[in-house]
Each structure stands twice: as structure tokens, then as C-alpha cells.
C-alpha atoms as a PDB file:
ATOM      1  CA  MET A   1       0.000   0.000   0.000  1.00  0.00           C
ATOM      2  CA  LYS A   2       3.014   2.280   0.321  1.00  0.00           C
ATOM      3  CA  TYR A   3       2.761   3.747  -3.181  1.00  0.00           C
ATOM      4  CA  GLU A   4      -0.779   2.765  -4.169  1.00  0.00           C
ATOM      5  CA  MET A   5      -3.609   5.220  -4.546  1.00  0.00           C
ATOM      6  CA  LEU A   6      -5.613   5.514  -1.357  1.00  0.00           C
ATOM      7  CA  GLY A   7      -9.173   4.255  -1.319  1.00  0.00           C
ATOM      8  CA  ASP A   8     -11.953   6.222   0.343  1.00  0.00           C
ATOM      9  CA  ASN A   9     -11.589   4.417   3.689  1.00  0.00           C
ATOM     10  CA  SER A  10      -7.812   4.835   3.710  1.00  0.00           C
ATOM     11  CA  LYS A  11      -8.158   8.504   2.804  1.00  0.00           C
ATOM     12  CA  VAL A  12     -10.555   9.100   5.707  1.00  0.00           C
ATOM     13  CA  GLU A  13      -8.271   7.193   8.061  1.00  0.00           C
ATOM     14  CA  LEU A  14      -5.231   9.200   6.918  1.00  0.00           C
ATOM     15  CA  ILE A  15      -7.081  12.482   7.457  1.00  0.00           C
ATOM     16  CA  GLN A  16      -8.062  11.346  10.961  1.00  0.00           C
ATOM     17  CA  PHE A  17      -4.442  10.493  11.824  1.00  0.00           C
ATOM     18  CA  ILE A  18      -3.265  13.875  10.581  1.00  0.00           C
ATOM     19  CA  GLU A  19      -5.979  15.753  12.449  1.00  0.00           C
ATOM     20  CA  ARG A  20      -5.187  13.886  15.690  1.00  0.00           C
ATOM     21  CA  VAL A  21      -1.516  14.835  15.378  1.00  0.00           C
ATOM     22  CA  GLU A  22      -2.446  18.458  14.634  1.00  0.00           C
ATOM     23  CA  VAL A  23      -4.550  18.593  17.807  1.00  0.00           C
ATOM     24  CA  LYS A  24      -1.634  17.270  19.865  1.00  0.00           C
ATOM     25  CA  ILE A  25       0.723  19.812  18.286  1.00  0.00           C
ATOM     26  CA  SER A  26      -1.674  22.609  19.263  1.00  0.00           C
ATOM     27  CA  GLU A  27      -1.942  21.230  22.802  1.00  0.00           C
ATOM     28  CA  ARG A  28       1.849  20.999  23.019  1.00  0.00           C
ATOM     29  CA  LYS A  29       2.168  24.653  21.999  1.00  0.00           C
ATOM     30  CA  LEU A  30      -0.237  25.683  24.763  1.00  0.00           C
ATOM     31  CA  ILE A  31       1.596  23.583  27.334  1.00  0.00           C
ATOM     32  CA  ASN A  32       4.952  25.050  26.259  1.00  0.00           C
ATOM     33  CA  GLU A  33       3.527  28.552  26.677  1.00  0.00           C
ATOM     34  CA  ASP A  34       2.314  27.636  30.173  1.00  0.00           C
ATOM     35  CA  ILE A  35       5.751  26.288  31.079  1.00  0.00           C
ATOM     36  CA  LYS A  36       7.423  29.479  29.836  1.00  0.00           C
ATOM     37  CA  GLU A  37       5.062  31.554  31.998  1.00  0.00           C
ATOM     38  CA  ILE A  38       5.775  29.436  35.076  1.00  0.00           C
ATOM     39  CA  LEU A  39       9.530  29.687  34.540  1.00  0.00           C
ATOM     40  CA  ALA A  40       9.263  33.443  34.010  1.00  0.00           C
ATOM     41  CA  GLU A  41       7.327  33.705  37.269  1.00  0.00           C
ATOM     42  CA  ALA A  42      10.011  31.687  39.072  1.00  0.00           C
ATOM     43  CA  GLU A  43      12.736  33.846  37.528  1.00  0.00           C
ATOM     44  CA  ALA A  44      10.922  36.991  38.655  1.00  0.00           C
ATOM     45  CA  GLY A  45      10.941  35.489  42.147  1.00  0.00           C
ATOM     46  CA  GLY A  46      14.721  35.242  42.049  1.00  0.00           C
ATOM     47  CA  TYR A  47      15.131  31.625  40.972  1.00  0.00           C
ATOM     48  CA  GLU A  48      17.485  30.556  38.196  1.00  0.00           C
ATOM     49  CA  LYS A  49      15.532  29.145  35.251  1.00  0.00           C
ATOM     50  CA  LYS A  50      18.414  26.998  34.012  1.00  0.00           C
ATOM     51  CA  THR A  51      18.851  25.369  37.422  1.00  0.00           C
ATOM     52  CA  ILE A  52      15.121  24.708  37.737  1.00  0.00           C
ATOM     53  CA  LYS A  53      15.181  22.904  34.381  1.00  0.00           C
ATOM     54  CA  GLU A  54      18.161  20.855  35.542  1.00  0.00           C
ATOM     55  CA  MET A  55      16.351  19.896  38.758  1.00  0.00           C
ATOM     56  CA  ILE A  56      13.290  18.821  36.754  1.00  0.00           C
ATOM     57  CA  LYS A  57      15.522  16.627  34.600  1.00  0.00           C
ATOM     58  CA  LEU A  58      17.163  15.093  37.686  1.00  0.00           C
ATOM     59  CA  ARG A  59      13.792  14.405  39.308  1.00  0.00           C
ATOM     60  CA  GLY A  60      12.805  12.468  36.194  1.00  0.00           C
ATOM     61  CA  LEU A  61      15.702  10.043  36.594  1.00  0.00           C
ATOM     62  CA  ASP A  62      15.598   7.018  38.831  1.00  0.00           C
ATOM     63  CA  ASP A  63      18.166   6.712  41.622  1.00  0.00           C
ATOM     64  CA  GLY A  64      20.543   4.561  39.551  1.00  0.00           C
ATOM     65  CA  GLU A  65      20.478   6.904  36.565  1.00  0.00           C
ATOM     66  CA  ARG A  66      21.010   9.909  38.810  1.00  0.00           C
ATOM     67  CA  ALA A  67      23.963   8.252  40.582  1.00  0.00           C
ATOM     68  CA  GLU A  68      25.530   7.315  37.242  1.00  0.00           C
ATOM     69  CA  LEU A  69      25.136  10.872  35.947  1.00  0.00           C
ATOM     70  CA  GLU A  70      26.720  12.332  39.094  1.00  0.00           C
ATOM     71  CA  GLN A  71      29.602   9.856  38.870  1.00  0.00           C
ATOM     72  CA  LEU A  72      30.257  10.740  35.230  1.00  0.00           C
ATOM     73  CA  ARG A  73      30.137  14.454  36.020  1.00  0.00           C
ATOM     74  CA  ASP A  74      32.732  13.933  38.755  1.00  0.00           C
ATOM     75  CA  ILE A  75      34.980  11.918  36.444  1.00  0.00           C
ATOM     76  CA  TYR A  76      34.739  14.499  33.663  1.00  0.00           C
ATOM     77  CA  ALA A  77      35.222  17.438  36.050  1.00  0.00           C
ATOM     78  CA  ASN A  78      38.353  15.823  37.467  1.00  0.00           C
ATOM     79  CA  ALA A  79      39.692  15.096  33.988  1.00  0.00           C
ATOM     80  CA  LEU A  80      39.161  18.738  33.037  1.00  0.00           C
ATOM     81  CA  ASP A  81      40.631  20.080  36.309  1.00  0.00           C
ATOM     82  CA  LEU A  82      37.344  21.743  37.209  1.00  0.00           C
ATOM     83  CA  VAL A  83      37.466  20.637  40.855  1.00  0.00           C
END
């Protein structure tokens, strides 16, 4: 079916897939705007936006992943004479 002409049912199905993705893209844009507003509010309160994003990333890792990341940072920092 990759290069065949689409029948009526396939055409309808394709349109539905595309419309579903378009809805999610619109929702993502709204969510991204909300996140920007929250980070701007935090920044106005004296918090560092970059550090907040880093903390969110760390909170998303499990304990093992976080420990591995910290260990690699230490190894790299030592290799680069940053500590």
C-alpha cells in the first residue's frame, strides 16, 4: 500500500491520523507557553531558570540513573581540572 492510490476508507483514516496529530501539536504549543510563563514567574521570584530545568531533569531520573550521571560528572570534572 506504500505507493498505491488511497481508497476512500484509507483517505478518511489518513485524514483522521493527521488531524489527531495536529490537535496534539496545538496542545503541546499551549503547554509550552504555560511552562514558559511558570519559569518566568520563578525567575521573577529570584530563581534561576536553568537550574530549575536541571532539577526537573534530575527528578525524572531514577536513583541509579542519577547516581551514574553524578559519577560521570565527577569523572569528567576531574579530567578537566574543574574541581
